[in-house]
Amino acid sequence: MAKAPPPQPTGAQIVAALRSALETALGQGHDPAGLVLNLTRRDAVLIHRSESFAPDEIRFEPDGMRVMGVMSTVGLTPVSALAVLAAQGADA
């Protein structure tokens, strides 16, 4: 018999994981300008509609959506993830 596919995370689980990743990175002292939240279209909608984020934690600006001060890209990735950008001015 073929194995059943692994269960897919629920919308609430996805939102909780993304919020946790943001809180961890910001809590570790990362500058929001040095982070980017790459979101699928589905996950962007889930975050926007979620009660896990206060209305003032999500902002729509001319350059895109920001979640907890972190710039977000939407629809450019198959899986949502938080990325740390390379430190500017660091010795190579």
C-alpha atoms as a PDB file:
ATOM      1  CA  MET A   1       0.000   0.000   0.000  1.00  0.00           C
ATOM      2  CA  ALA A   2       1.122   3.532  -0.723  1.00  0.00           C
ATOM      3  CA  LYS A   3       1.803   5.781   2.206  1.00  0.00           C
ATOM      4  CA  ALA A   4      -0.639   8.572   2.846  1.00  0.00           C
ATOM      5  CA  PRO A   5       0.829  12.015   2.180  1.00  0.00           C
ATOM      6  CA  PRO A   6       1.884  13.925   5.283  1.00  0.00           C
ATOM      7  CA  PRO A   7      -0.786  16.262   6.633  1.00  0.00           C
ATOM      8  CA  GLN A   8      -0.562  19.839   5.418  1.00  0.00           C
ATOM      9  CA  PRO A   9      -0.283  22.552   8.071  1.00  0.00           C
ATOM     10  CA  THR A  10      -3.428  24.518   8.732  1.00  0.00           C
ATOM     11  CA  GLY A  11      -3.658  28.231   8.070  1.00  0.00           C
ATOM     12  CA  ALA A  12      -3.470  28.907  11.808  1.00  0.00           C
ATOM     13  CA  GLN A  13      -0.297  26.799  12.087  1.00  0.00           C
ATOM     14  CA  ILE A  14       1.319  28.663   9.180  1.00  0.00           C
ATOM     15  CA  VAL A  15       0.475  32.057  10.667  1.00  0.00           C
ATOM     16  CA  ALA A  16       1.755  30.972  14.096  1.00  0.00           C
ATOM     17  CA  ALA A  17       5.035  29.720  12.605  1.00  0.00           C
ATOM     18  CA  LEU A  18       5.600  32.935  10.638  1.00  0.00           C
ATOM     19  CA  ARG A  19       4.792  35.101  13.657  1.00  0.00           C
ATOM     20  CA  SER A  20       7.165  33.023  15.793  1.00  0.00           C
ATOM     21  CA  ALA A  21       9.954  33.407  13.205  1.00  0.00           C
ATOM     22  CA  LEU A  22       9.445  37.176  13.153  1.00  0.00           C
ATOM     23  CA  GLU A  23       9.362  37.455  16.951  1.00  0.00           C
ATOM     24  CA  THR A  24      12.507  35.324  17.267  1.00  0.00           C
ATOM     25  CA  ALA A  25      14.478  37.307  14.689  1.00  0.00           C
ATOM     26  CA  LEU A  26      13.419  40.670  16.092  1.00  0.00           C
ATOM     27  CA  GLY A  27      14.029  39.425  19.645  1.00  0.00           C
ATOM     28  CA  GLN A  28      17.575  38.451  18.641  1.00  0.00           C
ATOM     29  CA  GLY A  29      18.186  42.048  17.673  1.00  0.00           C
ATOM     30  CA  HIS A  30      17.835  41.823  13.904  1.00  0.00           C
ATOM     31  CA  ASP A  31      16.971  45.152  12.306  1.00  0.00           C
ATOM     32  CA  PRO A  32      13.633  44.866  10.458  1.00  0.00           C
ATOM     33  CA  ALA A  33      15.343  46.512   7.464  1.00  0.00           C
ATOM     34  CA  GLY A  34      17.686  43.511   7.309  1.00  0.00           C
ATOM     35  CA  LEU A  35      14.857  40.994   7.063  1.00  0.00           C
ATOM     36  CA  VAL A  36      12.408  40.091   4.330  1.00  0.00           C
ATOM     37  CA  LEU A  37       9.315  37.945   4.735  1.00  0.00           C
ATOM     38  CA  ASN A  38       8.766  35.989   1.517  1.00  0.00           C
ATOM     39  CA  LEU A  39       5.112  34.968   1.379  1.00  0.00           C
ATOM     40  CA  THR A  40       2.973  32.894  -0.898  1.00  0.00           C
ATOM     41  CA  ARG A  41      -0.209  34.672  -1.958  1.00  0.00           C
ATOM     42  CA  ARG A  42      -2.225  32.329   0.253  1.00  0.00           C
ATOM     43  CA  ASP A  43      -0.101  33.030   3.313  1.00  0.00           C
ATOM     44  CA  ALA A  44      -0.227  36.790   2.732  1.00  0.00           C
ATOM     45  CA  VAL A  45      -4.023  36.592   2.791  1.00  0.00           C
ATOM     46  CA  LEU A  46      -3.937  34.383   5.897  1.00  0.00           C
ATOM     47  CA  ILE A  47      -1.755  36.911   7.735  1.00  0.00           C
ATOM     48  CA  HIS A  48      -3.907  39.828   6.640  1.00  0.00           C
ATOM     49  CA  ARG A  49      -7.062  38.115   7.912  1.00  0.00           C
ATOM     50  CA  SER A  50      -5.520  36.594  11.028  1.00  0.00           C
ATOM     51  CA  GLU A  51      -6.407  37.771  14.510  1.00  0.00           C
ATOM     52  CA  SER A  52      -2.861  36.778  15.560  1.00  0.00           C
ATOM     53  CA  PHE A  53      -1.586  40.073  14.168  1.00  0.00           C
ATOM     54  CA  ALA A  54      -2.861  43.383  15.516  1.00  0.00           C
ATOM     55  CA  PRO A  55      -4.033  45.843  12.856  1.00  0.00           C
ATOM     56  CA  ASP A  56      -1.051  48.115  13.556  1.00  0.00           C
ATOM     57  CA  GLU A  57       1.379  45.209  12.925  1.00  0.00           C
ATOM     58  CA  ILE A  58       0.401  45.058   9.246  1.00  0.00           C
ATOM     59  CA  ARG A  59       0.913  48.100   7.052  1.00  0.00           C
ATOM     60  CA  PHE A  60       0.450  48.613   3.350  1.00  0.00           C
ATOM     61  CA  GLU A  61       2.942  51.083   1.918  1.00  0.00           C
ATOM     62  CA  PRO A  62       3.860  52.145  -1.613  1.00  0.00           C
ATOM     63  CA  ASP A  63       6.725  49.632  -1.644  1.00  0.00           C
ATOM     64  CA  GLY A  64       4.568  46.763  -0.376  1.00  0.00           C
ATOM     65  CA  MET A  65       3.226  45.130   2.746  1.00  0.00           C
ATOM     66  CA  ARG A  66       5.146  45.244   6.035  1.00  0.00           C
ATOM     67  CA  VAL A  67       4.486  42.785   8.827  1.00  0.00           C
ATOM     68  CA  MET A  68       5.823  43.834  12.239  1.00  0.00           C
ATOM     69  CA  GLY A  69       8.019  46.339  10.396  1.00  0.00           C
ATOM     70  CA  VAL A  70       9.519  43.692   8.081  1.00  0.00           C
ATOM     71  CA  MET A  71       9.185  44.126   4.314  1.00  0.00           C
ATOM     72  CA  SER A  72       7.233  41.342   2.633  1.00  0.00           C
ATOM     73  CA  THR A  73       7.319  39.981  -0.880  1.00  0.00           C
ATOM     74  CA  VAL A  74       4.179  38.238  -2.063  1.00  0.00           C
ATOM     75  CA  GLY A  75       3.813  35.546  -4.680  1.00  0.00           C
ATOM     76  CA  LEU A  76       7.488  35.146  -5.561  1.00  0.00           C
ATOM     77  CA  THR A  77       8.052  31.935  -3.596  1.00  0.00           C
ATOM     78  CA  PRO A  78       6.426  28.494  -3.419  1.00  0.00           C
ATOM     79  CA  VAL A  79       6.915  28.324   0.380  1.00  0.00           C
ATOM     80  CA  SER A  80       6.732  31.216   2.835  1.00  0.00           C
ATOM     81  CA  ALA A  81       9.876  31.935   4.851  1.00  0.00           C
ATOM     82  CA  LEU A  82      11.692  34.684   6.697  1.00  0.00           C
ATOM     83  CA  ALA A  83      15.066  35.589   5.194  1.00  0.00           C
ATOM     84  CA  VAL A  84      17.938  37.505   6.739  1.00  0.00           C
ATOM     85  CA  LEU A  85      19.594  39.772   4.208  1.00  0.00           C
ATOM     86  CA  ALA A  86      23.381  39.928   4.039  1.00  0.00           C
ATOM     87  CA  ALA A  87      24.790  42.514   6.415  1.00  0.00           C
ATOM     88  CA  GLN A  88      25.709  45.689   4.613  1.00  0.00           C
ATOM     89  CA  GLY A  89      29.204  47.005   5.134  1.00  0.00           C
ATOM     90  CA  ALA A  90      30.473  43.673   6.490  1.00  0.00           C
ATOM     91  CA  ASP A  91      33.964  42.591   5.548  1.00  0.00           C
ATOM     92  CA  ALA A  92      33.884  40.006   2.791  1.00  0.00           C
END
